[in-house]
Amino acid sequence: MVAVWRIVSYQRAESPVTGPVTKFGGQPTWLGQPQWPLSTAWGTPMRFVCQIVLEPELVGDGPGRLAYVFVTHGEHGHDADDFDPDVVLPDGGENAVIVQPGRFTGPTAPLTSGPTLYHEDGSAAEYTVELVRDEDPEPLSSDAYLALTPEHRDRYFQAVDHDKIGGTALLDEEHDRPVGGPWRLLLRVATNWTPFYLNLGAAPVAFAFVSGDGREGRLLVQDS
């Protein structure tokens, strides 16, 4: 079984959350020097999505303590209805997962604050999360998953198809998985069902991964 922390609920912050905790929106709590990633196409700061505490069960003895997730995303208004198609790709230069302490080779700026999440009405969004520790089933290859009986396949899908930190990733297209690795699932979230607005496709699911040594990450978005 695989350690997982299920996201049970999002709790709106009444004041800025400045501690090194798992949260969505607001401004990142940098553990080291700020490393705000820049869009490869535009050279502008990406939008901060969340920061995630890297539990030892996720990274073992690795040095990483916080991971920060960013995407290229428009401001509230008409430009938020469109998005750069490269934002869904782990190597498209339009998203980033930065681990501190860790390594990141993309372009960054030493910004302490920048673009962040907002609600559908354009108001600023910041949320902590209620997490429940649980276990996911072990990962299966696409062939092994498809070889299951329909009943067991449905049971497996229901077991892993939830928003979470850690756990097992079931991807629609396995060939989209980031190259290199090995990678461990860091975050799975269906972005259309969150209290904040994040346009990443028609029915997108975002998967963030962290490397086996706990030093770097990747983001992949799959849209059904």
C-alpha atoms as a PDB file:
ATOM      1  CA  MET A   1       0.000   0.000   0.000  1.00  0.00           C
ATOM      2  CA  VAL A   2       1.040   3.618  -0.610  1.00  0.00           C
ATOM      3  CA  ALA A   3       0.807   6.433   1.953  1.00  0.00           C
ATOM      4  CA  VAL A   4      -1.741   9.093   1.009  1.00  0.00           C
ATOM      5  CA  TRP A   5      -3.248  12.186   2.609  1.00  0.00           C
ATOM      6  CA  ARG A   6      -6.760  12.700   1.249  1.00  0.00           C
ATOM      7  CA  ILE A   7      -7.909  16.284   0.792  1.00  0.00           C
ATOM      8  CA  VAL A   8     -11.155  16.241   2.745  1.00  0.00           C
ATOM      9  CA  SER A   9     -11.931  19.962   2.576  1.00  0.00           C
ATOM     10  CA  TYR A  10     -10.555  23.384   1.697  1.00  0.00           C
ATOM     11  CA  GLN A  11     -10.695  25.932   4.505  1.00  0.00           C
ATOM     12  CA  ARG A  12     -10.641  29.589   3.498  1.00  0.00           C
ATOM     13  CA  ALA A  13      -7.960  31.574   5.297  1.00  0.00           C
ATOM     14  CA  GLU A  14      -9.184  34.566   7.288  1.00  0.00           C
ATOM     15  CA  SER A  15      -5.701  36.120   7.233  1.00  0.00           C
ATOM     16  CA  PRO A  16      -2.524  35.473   5.208  1.00  0.00           C
ATOM     17  CA  VAL A  17      -0.978  32.066   5.905  1.00  0.00           C
ATOM     18  CA  THR A  18       2.751  32.642   6.282  1.00  0.00           C
ATOM     19  CA  GLY A  19       3.943  29.392   7.838  1.00  0.00           C
ATOM     20  CA  PRO A  20       5.557  26.414   6.062  1.00  0.00           C
ATOM     21  CA  VAL A  21       2.290  24.489   5.741  1.00  0.00           C
ATOM     22  CA  THR A  22       0.333  22.910   2.911  1.00  0.00           C
ATOM     23  CA  LYS A  23      -1.931  25.554   1.363  1.00  0.00           C
ATOM     24  CA  PHE A  24      -3.438  26.755  -1.907  1.00  0.00           C
ATOM     25  CA  GLY A  25      -3.182  30.360  -3.043  1.00  0.00           C
ATOM     26  CA  GLY A  26      -1.909  33.330  -1.112  1.00  0.00           C
ATOM     27  CA  GLN A  27       1.831  33.837  -1.387  1.00  0.00           C
ATOM     28  CA  PRO A  28       4.521  31.167  -1.052  1.00  0.00           C
ATOM     29  CA  THR A  29       6.465  30.785   2.175  1.00  0.00           C
ATOM     30  CA  TRP A  30       9.967  30.456   0.796  1.00  0.00           C
ATOM     31  CA  LEU A  31      12.309  28.328   2.886  1.00  0.00           C
ATOM     32  CA  GLY A  32      15.358  29.594   1.015  1.00  0.00           C
ATOM     33  CA  GLN A  33      15.969  32.300  -1.569  1.00  0.00           C
ATOM     34  CA  PRO A  34      12.833  33.064  -3.632  1.00  0.00           C
ATOM     35  CA  GLN A  35      12.714  31.182  -6.952  1.00  0.00           C
ATOM     36  CA  TRP A  36       9.627  32.462  -8.722  1.00  0.00           C
ATOM     37  CA  PRO A  37       9.445  30.595 -12.056  1.00  0.00           C
ATOM     38  CA  LEU A  38       8.984  32.494 -15.298  1.00  0.00           C
ATOM     39  CA  SER A  39       6.980  31.506 -18.353  1.00  0.00           C
ATOM     40  CA  THR A  40       9.336  30.299 -21.067  1.00  0.00           C
ATOM     41  CA  ALA A  41       7.198  31.845 -23.807  1.00  0.00           C
ATOM     42  CA  TRP A  42       6.471  35.208 -22.180  1.00  0.00           C
ATOM     43  CA  GLY A  43       9.168  35.694 -19.560  1.00  0.00           C
ATOM     44  CA  THR A  44       6.503  36.711 -17.036  1.00  0.00           C
ATOM     45  CA  PRO A  45       5.970  35.248 -13.537  1.00  0.00           C
ATOM     46  CA  MET A  46       3.814  32.136 -13.399  1.00  0.00           C
ATOM     47  CA  ARG A  47       0.809  31.971 -11.084  1.00  0.00           C
ATOM     48  CA  PHE A  48       1.336  30.396  -7.661  1.00  0.00           C
ATOM     49  CA  VAL A  49      -1.025  27.470  -7.087  1.00  0.00           C
ATOM     50  CA  CYS A  50       0.040  25.810  -3.846  1.00  0.00           C
ATOM     51  CA  GLN A  51       2.803  24.732  -1.515  1.00  0.00           C
ATOM     52  CA  ILE A  52       2.964  21.225  -0.102  1.00  0.00           C
ATOM     53  CA  VAL A  53       4.789  19.916   2.933  1.00  0.00           C
ATOM     54  CA  LEU A  54       7.015  17.012   1.902  1.00  0.00           C
ATOM     55  CA  GLU A  55       6.377  14.366   4.522  1.00  0.00           C
ATOM     56  CA  PRO A  56       9.216  11.878   5.097  1.00  0.00           C
ATOM     57  CA  GLU A  57       6.957   9.145   3.703  1.00  0.00           C
ATOM     58  CA  LEU A  58       6.970  11.074   0.419  1.00  0.00           C
ATOM     59  CA  VAL A  59      10.668  11.863   0.095  1.00  0.00           C
ATOM     60  CA  GLY A  60      12.404   9.508   2.515  1.00  0.00           C
ATOM     61  CA  ASP A  61      15.727  10.981   3.597  1.00  0.00           C
ATOM     62  CA  GLY A  62      15.690  13.580   0.817  1.00  0.00           C
ATOM     63  CA  PRO A  63      16.410  17.209   1.713  1.00  0.00           C
ATOM     64  CA  GLY A  64      13.188  18.657   0.305  1.00  0.00           C
ATOM     65  CA  ARG A  65      10.797  20.141   2.876  1.00  0.00           C
ATOM     66  CA  LEU A  66       8.360  22.213   0.782  1.00  0.00           C
ATOM     67  CA  ALA A  67       7.274  21.939  -2.851  1.00  0.00           C
ATOM     68  CA  TYR A  68       5.765  24.898  -4.699  1.00  0.00           C
ATOM     69  CA  VAL A  69       3.478  24.475  -7.728  1.00  0.00           C
ATOM     70  CA  PHE A  70       3.070  27.173 -10.402  1.00  0.00           C
ATOM     71  CA  VAL A  71       1.314  27.446 -13.773  1.00  0.00           C
ATOM     72  CA  THR A  72       1.139  30.039 -16.530  1.00  0.00           C
ATOM     73  CA  HIS A  73      -2.370  31.463 -16.153  1.00  0.00           C
ATOM     74  CA  GLY A  74      -4.152  34.655 -17.136  1.00  0.00           C
ATOM     75  CA  GLU A  75      -5.556  37.359 -14.907  1.00  0.00           C
ATOM     76  CA  HIS A  76      -9.222  37.440 -13.983  1.00  0.00           C
ATOM     77  CA  GLY A  77     -11.214  38.397 -17.074  1.00  0.00           C
ATOM     78  CA  HIS A  78     -11.231  37.418 -20.716  1.00  0.00           C
ATOM     79  CA  ASP A  79      -7.593  36.281 -20.886  1.00  0.00           C
ATOM     80  CA  ALA A  80      -8.244  33.607 -18.240  1.00  0.00           C
ATOM     81  CA  ASP A  81     -10.593  31.799 -20.636  1.00  0.00           C
ATOM     82  CA  ASP A  82      -7.646  30.768 -22.807  1.00  0.00           C
ATOM     83  CA  PHE A  83      -4.454  29.079 -21.736  1.00  0.00           C
ATOM     84  CA  ASP A  84      -1.126  28.173 -23.254  1.00  0.00           C
ATOM     85  CA  PRO A  85      -1.410  24.547 -24.427  1.00  0.00           C
ATOM     86  CA  ASP A  86       2.090  23.883 -23.107  1.00  0.00           C
ATOM     87  CA  VAL A  87       0.809  24.376 -19.536  1.00  0.00           C
ATOM     88  CA  VAL A  88      -0.329  20.736 -19.498  1.00  0.00           C
ATOM     89  CA  LEU A  89       3.131  19.342 -20.319  1.00  0.00           C
ATOM     90  CA  PRO A  90       5.824  18.495 -17.756  1.00  0.00           C
ATOM     91  CA  ASP A  91       8.498  19.923 -20.069  1.00  0.00           C
ATOM     92  CA  GLY A  92       6.511  22.653 -21.821  1.00  0.00           C
ATOM     93  CA  GLY A  93       8.049  25.532 -19.881  1.00  0.00           C
ATOM     94  CA  GLU A  94       4.650  26.792 -18.694  1.00  0.00           C
ATOM     95  CA  ASN A  95       4.411  25.095 -15.320  1.00  0.00           C
ATOM     96  CA  ALA A  96       6.840  24.365 -12.524  1.00  0.00           C
ATOM     97  CA  VAL A  97       7.266  22.403  -9.320  1.00  0.00           C
ATOM     98  CA  ILE A  98      10.038  23.904  -7.217  1.00  0.00           C
ATOM     99  CA  VAL A  99      11.399  22.010  -4.205  1.00  0.00           C
ATOM    100  CA  GLN A 100      13.290  23.729  -1.391  1.00  0.00           C
ATOM    101  CA  PRO A 101      15.942  22.707  -0.630  1.00  0.00           C
ATOM    102  CA  GLY A 102      16.265  21.199  -4.088  1.00  0.00           C
ATOM    103  CA  ARG A 103      17.101  21.941  -7.695  1.00  0.00           C
ATOM    104  CA  PHE A 104      15.336  23.756 -10.531  1.00  0.00           C
ATOM    105  CA  THR A 105      16.898  24.587 -13.881  1.00  0.00           C
ATOM    106  CA  GLY A 106      14.219  26.782 -15.420  1.00  0.00           C
ATOM    107  CA  PRO A 107      14.234  30.598 -15.471  1.00  0.00           C
ATOM    108  CA  THR A 108      13.299  32.252 -12.173  1.00  0.00           C
ATOM    109  CA  ALA A 109      13.146  35.692 -10.576  1.00  0.00           C
ATOM    110  CA  PRO A 110      13.923  36.505  -6.903  1.00  0.00           C
ATOM    111  CA  LEU A 111      10.333  37.577  -6.170  1.00  0.00           C
ATOM    112  CA  THR A 112       8.891  37.161  -2.690  1.00  0.00           C
ATOM    113  CA  SER A 113       5.348  37.588  -4.029  1.00  0.00           C
ATOM    114  CA  GLY A 114       3.577  37.494  -7.362  1.00  0.00           C
ATOM    115  CA  PRO A 115       0.468  36.298  -9.232  1.00  0.00           C
ATOM    116  CA  THR A 116      -1.663  33.924  -7.163  1.00  0.00           C
ATOM    117  CA  LEU A 117      -5.000  32.111  -7.156  1.00  0.00           C
ATOM    118  CA  TYR A 118      -8.318  33.905  -7.337  1.00  0.00           C
ATOM    119  CA  HIS A 119     -12.017  33.052  -7.207  1.00  0.00           C
ATOM    120  CA  GLU A 120     -14.383  33.206 -10.163  1.00  0.00           C
ATOM    121  CA  ASP A 121     -15.299  36.762  -9.182  1.00  0.00           C
ATOM    122  CA  GLY A 122     -11.636  37.789  -9.222  1.00  0.00           C
ATOM    123  CA  SER A 123     -11.178  38.050  -5.449  1.00  0.00           C
ATOM    124  CA  ALA A 124      -7.984  36.678  -3.930  1.00  0.00           C
ATOM    125  CA  ALA A 125      -8.065  33.033  -2.842  1.00  0.00           C
ATOM    126  CA  GLU A 126      -6.093  31.386  -0.052  1.00  0.00           C
ATOM    127  CA  TYR A 127      -6.970  28.053   1.541  1.00  0.00           C
ATOM    128  CA  THR A 128      -5.512  25.587   3.962  1.00  0.00           C
ATOM    129  CA  VAL A 129      -6.655  21.977   3.658  1.00  0.00           C
ATOM    130  CA  GLU A 130      -7.981  19.309   5.953  1.00  0.00           C
ATOM    131  CA  LEU A 131      -6.022  16.111   5.306  1.00  0.00           C
ATOM    132  CA  VAL A 132      -6.789  12.564   6.391  1.00  0.00           C
ATOM    133  CA  ARG A 133      -3.994   9.972   6.368  1.00  0.00           C
ATOM    134  CA  ASP A 134      -4.928   6.810   4.479  1.00  0.00           C
ATOM    135  CA  GLU A 135      -3.472   4.285   2.040  1.00  0.00           C
ATOM    136  CA  ASP A 136      -3.811   3.877  -1.722  1.00  0.00           C
ATOM    137  CA  PRO A 137      -3.339   0.579  -3.573  1.00  0.00           C
ATOM    138  CA  GLU A 138      -0.003  -0.084  -5.240  1.00  0.00           C
ATOM    139  CA  PRO A 139       0.508   1.375  -8.730  1.00  0.00           C
ATOM    140  CA  LEU A 140      -0.487  -0.728 -11.721  1.00  0.00           C
ATOM    141  CA  SER A 141       0.778  -0.484 -15.283  1.00  0.00           C
ATOM    142  CA  SER A 142      -1.818   0.332 -17.943  1.00  0.00           C
ATOM    143  CA  ASP A 143      -1.745  -3.265 -19.137  1.00  0.00           C
ATOM    144  CA  ALA A 144      -2.212  -4.628 -15.613  1.00  0.00           C
ATOM    145  CA  TYR A 145      -5.073  -2.218 -14.958  1.00  0.00           C
ATOM    146  CA  LEU A 146      -6.861  -3.126 -18.186  1.00  0.00           C
ATOM    147  CA  ALA A 147      -6.368  -6.829 -17.429  1.00  0.00           C
ATOM    148  CA  LEU A 148      -8.469  -6.517 -14.272  1.00  0.00           C
ATOM    149  CA  THR A 149     -12.051  -7.685 -14.357  1.00  0.00           C
ATOM    150  CA  PRO A 150     -14.533  -4.806 -14.786  1.00  0.00           C
ATOM    151  CA  GLU A 151     -15.531  -5.112 -11.139  1.00  0.00           C
ATOM    152  CA  HIS A 152     -11.934  -4.990  -9.866  1.00  0.00           C
ATOM    153  CA  ARG A 153     -11.037  -2.225 -12.319  1.00  0.00           C
ATOM    154  CA  ASP A 154     -13.893  -0.083 -11.019  1.00  0.00           C
ATOM    155  CA  ARG A 155     -12.882  -0.795  -7.438  1.00  0.00           C
ATOM    156  CA  TYR A 156      -9.268   0.185  -8.144  1.00  0.00           C
ATOM    157  CA  PHE A 157     -10.358   3.373  -9.938  1.00  0.00           C
ATOM    158  CA  GLN A 158     -12.602   4.409  -7.057  1.00  0.00           C
ATOM    159  CA  ALA A 159      -9.743   3.801  -4.609  1.00  0.00           C
ATOM    160  CA  VAL A 160      -7.312   6.179  -6.328  1.00  0.00           C
ATOM    161  CA  ASP A 161      -9.637   8.712  -7.978  1.00  0.00           C
ATOM    162  CA  HIS A 162      -9.645  11.426  -5.307  1.00  0.00           C
ATOM    163  CA  ASP A 163      -7.834  14.684  -4.562  1.00  0.00           C
ATOM    164  CA  LYS A 164      -4.814  13.947  -2.400  1.00  0.00           C
ATOM    165  CA  ILE A 165      -1.236  14.467  -1.372  1.00  0.00           C
ATOM    166  CA  GLY A 166       0.885  11.414  -2.160  1.00  0.00           C
ATOM    167  CA  GLY A 167      -0.724   8.108  -3.028  1.00  0.00           C
ATOM    168  CA  THR A 168      -1.030   6.389  -6.397  1.00  0.00           C
ATOM    169  CA  ALA A 169      -1.420   8.096  -9.777  1.00  0.00           C
ATOM    170  CA  LEU A 170      -3.748   6.524 -12.336  1.00  0.00           C
ATOM    171  CA  LEU A 171      -3.095   8.344 -15.614  1.00  0.00           C
ATOM    172  CA  ASP A 172      -5.347   8.242 -18.664  1.00  0.00           C
ATOM    173  CA  GLU A 173      -2.256   8.274 -20.869  1.00  0.00           C
ATOM    174  CA  GLU A 174       0.785   6.639 -19.270  1.00  0.00           C
ATOM    175  CA  HIS A 175       3.081   7.917 -22.002  1.00  0.00           C
ATOM    176  CA  ASP A 176       2.461  11.451 -20.682  1.00  0.00           C
ATOM    177  CA  ARG A 177       4.257  10.589 -17.439  1.00  0.00           C
ATOM    178  CA  PRO A 178       7.352  12.805 -16.932  1.00  0.00           C
ATOM    179  CA  VAL A 179      10.585  11.393 -18.322  1.00  0.00           C
ATOM    180  CA  GLY A 180      13.416  10.534 -15.985  1.00  0.00           C
ATOM    181  CA  GLY A 181      12.543   9.850 -12.405  1.00  0.00           C
ATOM    182  CA  PRO A 182      11.665   7.670 -10.667  1.00  0.00           C
ATOM    183  CA  TRP A 183       8.774   9.947  -9.699  1.00  0.00           C
ATOM    184  CA  ARG A 184       6.431   9.748  -6.735  1.00  0.00           C
ATOM    185  CA  LEU A 185       2.991  11.317  -6.818  1.00  0.00           C
ATOM    186  CA  LEU A 186       2.978  14.562  -4.847  1.00  0.00           C
ATOM    187  CA  LEU A 187      -0.463  15.990  -5.649  1.00  0.00           C
ATOM    188  CA  ARG A 188      -3.596  14.963  -7.517  1.00  0.00           C
ATOM    189  CA  VAL A 189      -6.382  17.523  -7.852  1.00  0.00           C
ATOM    190  CA  ALA A 190      -9.365  17.878 -10.203  1.00  0.00           C
ATOM    191  CA  THR A 191      -9.126  21.624 -10.648  1.00  0.00           C
ATOM    192  CA  ASN A 192     -12.725  22.191 -11.795  1.00  0.00           C
ATOM    193  CA  TRP A 193     -13.981  21.112  -8.361  1.00  0.00           C
ATOM    194  CA  THR A 194     -11.954  23.420  -6.154  1.00  0.00           C
ATOM    195  CA  PRO A 195     -13.278  26.586  -4.465  1.00  0.00           C
ATOM    196  CA  PHE A 196     -10.823  28.720  -6.469  1.00  0.00           C
ATOM    197  CA  TYR A 197     -10.701  29.309 -10.234  1.00  0.00           C
ATOM    198  CA  LEU A 198      -8.010  27.543 -12.223  1.00  0.00           C
ATOM    199  CA  ASN A 199      -8.563  27.068 -15.954  1.00  0.00           C
ATOM    200  CA  LEU A 200      -6.424  24.177 -17.170  1.00  0.00           C
ATOM    201  CA  GLY A 201      -8.853  22.627 -19.657  1.00  0.00           C
ATOM    202  CA  ALA A 202     -12.387  21.280 -19.996  1.00  0.00           C
ATOM    203  CA  ALA A 203     -12.198  18.588 -17.303  1.00  0.00           C
ATOM    204  CA  PRO A 204      -8.578  18.737 -16.132  1.00  0.00           C
ATOM    205  CA  VAL A 205      -6.804  16.723 -13.461  1.00  0.00           C
ATOM    206  CA  ALA A 206      -3.421  18.043 -12.325  1.00  0.00           C
ATOM    207  CA  PHE A 207      -0.715  15.632 -11.166  1.00  0.00           C
ATOM    208  CA  ALA A 208       2.421  16.919  -9.474  1.00  0.00           C
ATOM    209  CA  PHE A 209       5.347  14.577  -8.948  1.00  0.00           C
ATOM    210  CA  VAL A 210       8.486  14.669  -6.827  1.00  0.00           C
ATOM    211  CA  SER A 211      11.698  12.848  -7.670  1.00  0.00           C
ATOM    212  CA  GLY A 212      12.863   9.812  -5.748  1.00  0.00           C
ATOM    213  CA  ASP A 213      15.652  11.827  -4.116  1.00  0.00           C
ATOM    214  CA  GLY A 214      13.196  14.553  -3.075  1.00  0.00           C
ATOM    215  CA  ARG A 215      15.054  17.352  -4.878  1.00  0.00           C
ATOM    216  CA  GLU A 216      12.869  18.293  -7.862  1.00  0.00           C
ATOM    217  CA  GLY A 217       9.364  18.013  -9.244  1.00  0.00           C
ATOM    218  CA  ARG A 218       7.220  17.981 -12.380  1.00  0.00           C
ATOM    219  CA  LEU A 219       3.602  18.863 -13.182  1.00  0.00           C
ATOM    220  CA  LEU A 220       1.334  17.100 -15.670  1.00  0.00           C
ATOM    221  CA  VAL A 221      -2.274  17.990 -16.555  1.00  0.00           C
ATOM    222  CA  GLN A 222      -4.569  15.422 -18.191  1.00  0.00           C
ATOM    223  CA  ASP A 223      -7.884  16.512 -19.681  1.00  0.00           C
ATOM    224  CA  SER A 224     -10.633  14.016 -20.458  1.00  0.00           C
END
